[in-house]
Amino acid sequence: MTLANKLTISRFLMVLIILILAILHNLLAYVVFNTVTLCDLLILFVFVLASFTDYLDGKIARNRNQVTDLGKFLDPLADKLLVITTLVYLLECGRLVAFGISFGFILTLIVIREFIITGFRYIAVSKNLVISANILGKIKTLLQMIFVIWLLIGLYPFVGLGKDIVFVVVGGLVLIMTVWSCVDYIVKNIHILKKTEEVNE
């Protein structure tokens, strides 16, 4: 197995760590304040580390000419699980809120988008095709990761109204790229429903 693929697999393990920390956070939320704070910091650290491996595995694969079909399949899957798992945690903590309004629908649209994309990938795999990520998908993932990191650190250094405005602006960009990349994906790959030629996301 290539180093790039090993890094990708390590991201799945980090998703599991975030899930465990999120469970601990919820169990200890009203018991030990310091432990809750520690869980927050650890989730932030693990998420940032996982996000860095996303950049690193792609760079290594390209530089060493080790781009594989397994990597093309696992890399975006790891990204989806990482972002969605952490956003669910943030939703449970009540952090997807601005101007007193819940923006949980951001998570809903992200999940819907990924179900659609996963469906296409499943069909592609059944036809021995591999759909790799394109530039819109990568920008979408980058914006989602930035959004999650900002939420984990409380949108520092923004406070009050500024924090809400930043939330809406960044969240809006995430929504736009989530929907745009999904539509672009469908338009470019709709033919996999009928054809068996090589396609790219």
Protein backbone atom coordinates (compact mmCIF):
# COMPACT_ATOMS: atom_id res chain seq x y z
CA MET A 1 0.00 0.00 0.00
CA THR A 2 1.31 3.47 -0.90
CA LEU A 3 2.13 6.12 1.70
CA ALA A 4 -0.63 8.34 0.32
CA ASN A 5 -3.23 5.62 0.84
CA LYS A 6 -1.93 4.98 4.35
CA LEU A 7 -2.46 8.65 5.16
CA THR A 8 -5.97 8.45 3.74
CA ILE A 9 -6.77 5.42 5.91
CA SER A 10 -5.36 7.25 8.94
CA ARG A 11 -8.03 9.88 8.32
CA PHE A 12 -10.73 7.23 8.85
CA LEU A 13 -9.13 6.44 12.22
CA MET A 14 -9.15 10.14 13.11
CA VAL A 15 -12.86 10.29 12.29
CA LEU A 16 -13.36 7.49 14.81
CA ILE A 17 -11.36 9.45 17.39
CA ILE A 18 -13.52 12.53 16.81
CA LEU A 19 -16.63 10.40 17.24
CA ILE A 20 -15.34 9.00 20.54
CA LEU A 21 -14.42 12.48 21.78
CA ALA A 22 -17.86 13.78 20.79
CA ILE A 23 -19.51 11.01 22.81
CA LEU A 24 -17.29 11.80 25.80
CA HIS A 25 -18.14 15.48 25.44
CA ASN A 26 -21.86 14.75 25.59
CA LEU A 27 -21.52 12.33 28.51
CA LEU A 28 -19.42 14.75 30.55
CA ALA A 29 -21.01 18.05 29.48
CA TYR A 30 -22.71 18.59 32.83
CA VAL A 31 -20.16 16.82 35.03
CA VAL A 32 -16.59 17.97 34.43
CA PHE A 33 -16.12 21.34 32.73
CA ASN A 34 -12.37 20.94 32.21
CA THR A 35 -12.91 17.60 30.48
CA VAL A 36 -15.45 19.18 28.15
CA THR A 37 -12.97 21.93 27.26
CA LEU A 38 -10.28 19.32 26.69
CA CYS A 39 -12.61 17.36 24.37
CA ASP A 40 -13.22 20.52 22.32
CA LEU A 41 -9.51 21.19 21.98
CA LEU A 42 -8.75 17.59 21.09
CA ILE A 43 -11.48 17.50 18.42
CA LEU A 44 -10.07 20.73 16.96
CA PHE A 45 -6.55 19.28 16.95
CA VAL A 46 -7.61 15.97 15.38
CA PHE A 47 -9.74 17.72 12.75
CA VAL A 48 -6.91 20.08 11.74
CA LEU A 49 -4.48 17.16 11.60
CA ALA A 50 -6.92 15.13 9.49
CA SER A 51 -7.44 18.11 7.17
CA PHE A 52 -3.69 18.40 6.73
CA THR A 53 -3.39 14.72 5.80
CA ASP A 54 -5.99 15.38 3.09
CA TYR A 55 -3.62 17.91 1.53
CA LEU A 56 -0.56 15.77 2.20
CA ASP A 57 -1.78 12.47 0.73
CA GLY A 58 -2.76 14.13 -2.54
CA LYS A 59 0.56 15.93 -2.81
CA ILE A 60 2.53 12.76 -2.10
CA ALA A 61 0.49 10.70 -4.56
CA ARG A 62 1.09 13.23 -7.35
CA ASN A 63 4.77 13.84 -6.61
CA ARG A 64 5.56 10.12 -6.38
CA ASN A 65 3.25 9.18 -9.23
CA GLN A 66 1.29 6.95 -6.85
CA VAL A 67 -2.25 7.97 -7.78
CA THR A 68 -4.35 4.80 -7.46
CA ASP A 69 -7.98 3.86 -7.98
CA LEU A 70 -8.17 2.94 -4.29
CA GLY A 71 -6.96 6.39 -3.34
CA LYS A 72 -9.44 8.08 -5.68
CA PHE A 73 -12.23 6.15 -3.99
CA LEU A 74 -11.15 6.37 -0.34
CA ASP A 75 -9.88 9.97 -0.25
CA PRO A 76 -13.21 11.74 -0.89
CA LEU A 77 -15.03 9.21 1.31
CA ALA A 78 -12.71 10.01 4.22
CA ASP A 79 -13.28 13.74 3.66
CA LYS A 80 -17.06 13.31 3.72
CA LEU A 81 -17.01 11.31 6.95
CA LEU A 82 -14.62 13.78 8.57
CA VAL A 83 -16.72 16.85 7.77
CA ILE A 84 -20.13 15.29 8.45
CA THR A 85 -19.09 13.67 11.74
CA THR A 86 -17.68 16.95 13.06
CA LEU A 87 -20.65 18.99 11.85
CA VAL A 88 -23.04 16.61 13.63
CA TYR A 89 -21.03 17.23 16.80
CA LEU A 90 -21.23 20.99 16.27
CA LEU A 91 -24.97 20.77 15.62
CA GLU A 92 -25.46 18.87 18.87
CA CYS A 93 -23.46 21.58 20.67
CA GLY A 94 -25.74 24.27 19.24
CA ARG A 95 -23.02 25.96 17.22
CA LEU A 96 -24.78 26.01 13.85
CA VAL A 97 -26.67 29.12 14.92
CA ALA A 98 -26.53 32.75 13.79
CA PHE A 99 -28.86 35.66 14.56
CA GLY A 100 -30.75 33.27 16.81
CA ILE A 101 -31.61 31.03 13.83
CA SER A 102 -30.55 27.40 13.49
CA PHE A 103 -28.63 26.65 10.31
CA GLY A 104 -28.76 22.90 10.71
CA PHE A 105 -30.03 22.69 7.14
CA ILE A 106 -26.43 23.30 6.04
CA LEU A 107 -25.57 19.87 7.39
CA THR A 108 -28.72 18.41 5.82
CA LEU A 109 -27.79 19.69 2.34
CA ILE A 110 -24.22 18.45 2.73
CA VAL A 111 -25.48 14.97 3.63
CA ILE A 112 -27.96 14.98 0.71
CA ARG A 113 -25.17 16.01 -1.66
CA GLU A 114 -22.93 13.22 -0.46
CA PHE A 115 -25.69 10.62 -0.77
CA ILE A 116 -26.18 11.67 -4.40
CA ILE A 117 -22.46 11.56 -5.14
CA THR A 118 -22.07 8.22 -3.38
CA GLY A 119 -24.90 6.83 -5.50
CA PHE A 120 -23.07 7.87 -8.66
CA ARG A 121 -19.84 6.39 -7.37
CA TYR A 122 -21.58 3.10 -6.58
CA ILE A 123 -22.94 2.90 -10.12
CA ALA A 124 -19.52 3.79 -11.52
CA VAL A 125 -17.82 1.07 -9.47
CA SER A 126 -20.39 -1.47 -10.68
CA LYS A 127 -19.24 -0.60 -14.21
CA ASN A 128 -15.55 -0.78 -13.27
CA LEU A 129 -15.21 3.00 -13.39
CA VAL A 130 -13.50 5.31 -10.91
CA ILE A 131 -14.64 8.92 -10.53
CA SER A 132 -11.92 11.16 -9.12
CA ALA A 133 -12.49 14.58 -7.55
CA ASN A 134 -12.44 17.71 -9.70
CA ILE A 135 -11.56 21.29 -8.76
CA LEU A 136 -15.09 22.21 -7.63
CA GLY A 137 -15.21 19.21 -5.32
CA LYS A 138 -11.84 20.16 -3.84
CA ILE A 139 -12.89 23.78 -3.30
CA LYS A 140 -16.10 22.55 -1.67
CA THR A 141 -14.15 20.32 0.69
CA LEU A 142 -11.68 23.11 1.54
CA LEU A 143 -14.49 25.56 2.35
CA GLN A 144 -16.27 22.98 4.49
CA MET A 145 -13.09 22.30 6.45
CA ILE A 146 -12.44 26.02 6.98
CA PHE A 147 -16.06 26.43 8.12
CA VAL A 148 -15.76 23.56 10.60
CA ILE A 149 -12.44 24.81 12.01
CA TRP A 150 -13.89 28.30 12.52
CA LEU A 151 -16.87 26.84 14.33
CA LEU A 152 -14.63 24.70 16.53
CA ILE A 153 -12.65 27.75 17.65
CA GLY A 154 -15.79 29.86 18.05
CA LEU A 155 -15.13 32.05 14.98
CA TYR A 156 -12.35 33.81 16.89
CA PRO A 157 -11.51 36.74 16.76
CA PHE A 158 -15.05 37.72 15.70
CA VAL A 159 -17.60 38.51 18.42
CA GLY A 160 -21.26 39.50 18.65
CA LEU A 161 -22.84 40.61 15.39
CA GLY A 162 -19.54 40.15 13.56
CA LYS A 163 -19.52 36.47 14.45
CA ASP A 164 -23.04 35.99 13.07
CA ILE A 165 -22.18 37.83 9.86
CA VAL A 166 -19.04 35.74 9.33
CA PHE A 167 -21.04 32.58 10.01
CA VAL A 168 -23.65 33.50 7.39
CA VAL A 169 -21.03 34.53 4.79
CA VAL A 170 -18.83 31.44 5.20
CA GLY A 171 -21.84 29.16 5.63
CA GLY A 172 -23.38 30.68 2.50
CA LEU A 173 -20.21 30.00 0.51
CA VAL A 174 -20.22 26.42 1.78
CA LEU A 175 -23.83 25.98 0.66
CA ILE A 176 -23.18 27.50 -2.76
CA MET A 177 -20.16 25.28 -3.41
CA THR A 178 -21.95 22.22 -2.04
CA VAL A 179 -24.89 22.68 -4.42
CA TRP A 180 -22.77 23.90 -7.36
CA SER A 181 -20.30 21.01 -7.15
CA CYS A 182 -23.19 18.55 -6.91
CA VAL A 183 -24.94 19.93 -9.99
CA ASP A 184 -21.64 20.03 -11.90
CA TYR A 185 -20.92 16.44 -10.86
CA ILE A 186 -24.33 15.24 -12.07
CA VAL A 187 -24.09 17.09 -15.39
CA LYS A 188 -20.60 15.75 -16.14
CA ASN A 189 -21.28 12.18 -15.07
CA ILE A 190 -24.94 11.56 -15.87
CA HIS A 191 -23.80 9.41 -18.79
CA ILE A 192 -22.42 6.74 -16.44
CA LEU A 193 -26.01 5.60 -16.06
CA LYS A 194 -25.85 4.42 -19.66
CA LYS A 195 -22.21 4.20 -20.65
CA THR A 196 -19.20 2.29 -19.37
CA GLU A 197 -16.44 4.62 -20.48
CA GLU A 198 -13.92 6.26 -18.14
CA VAL A 199 -15.32 9.38 -16.46
CA ASN A 200 -13.98 12.09 -14.23
CA GLU A 201 -15.77 13.99 -11.51
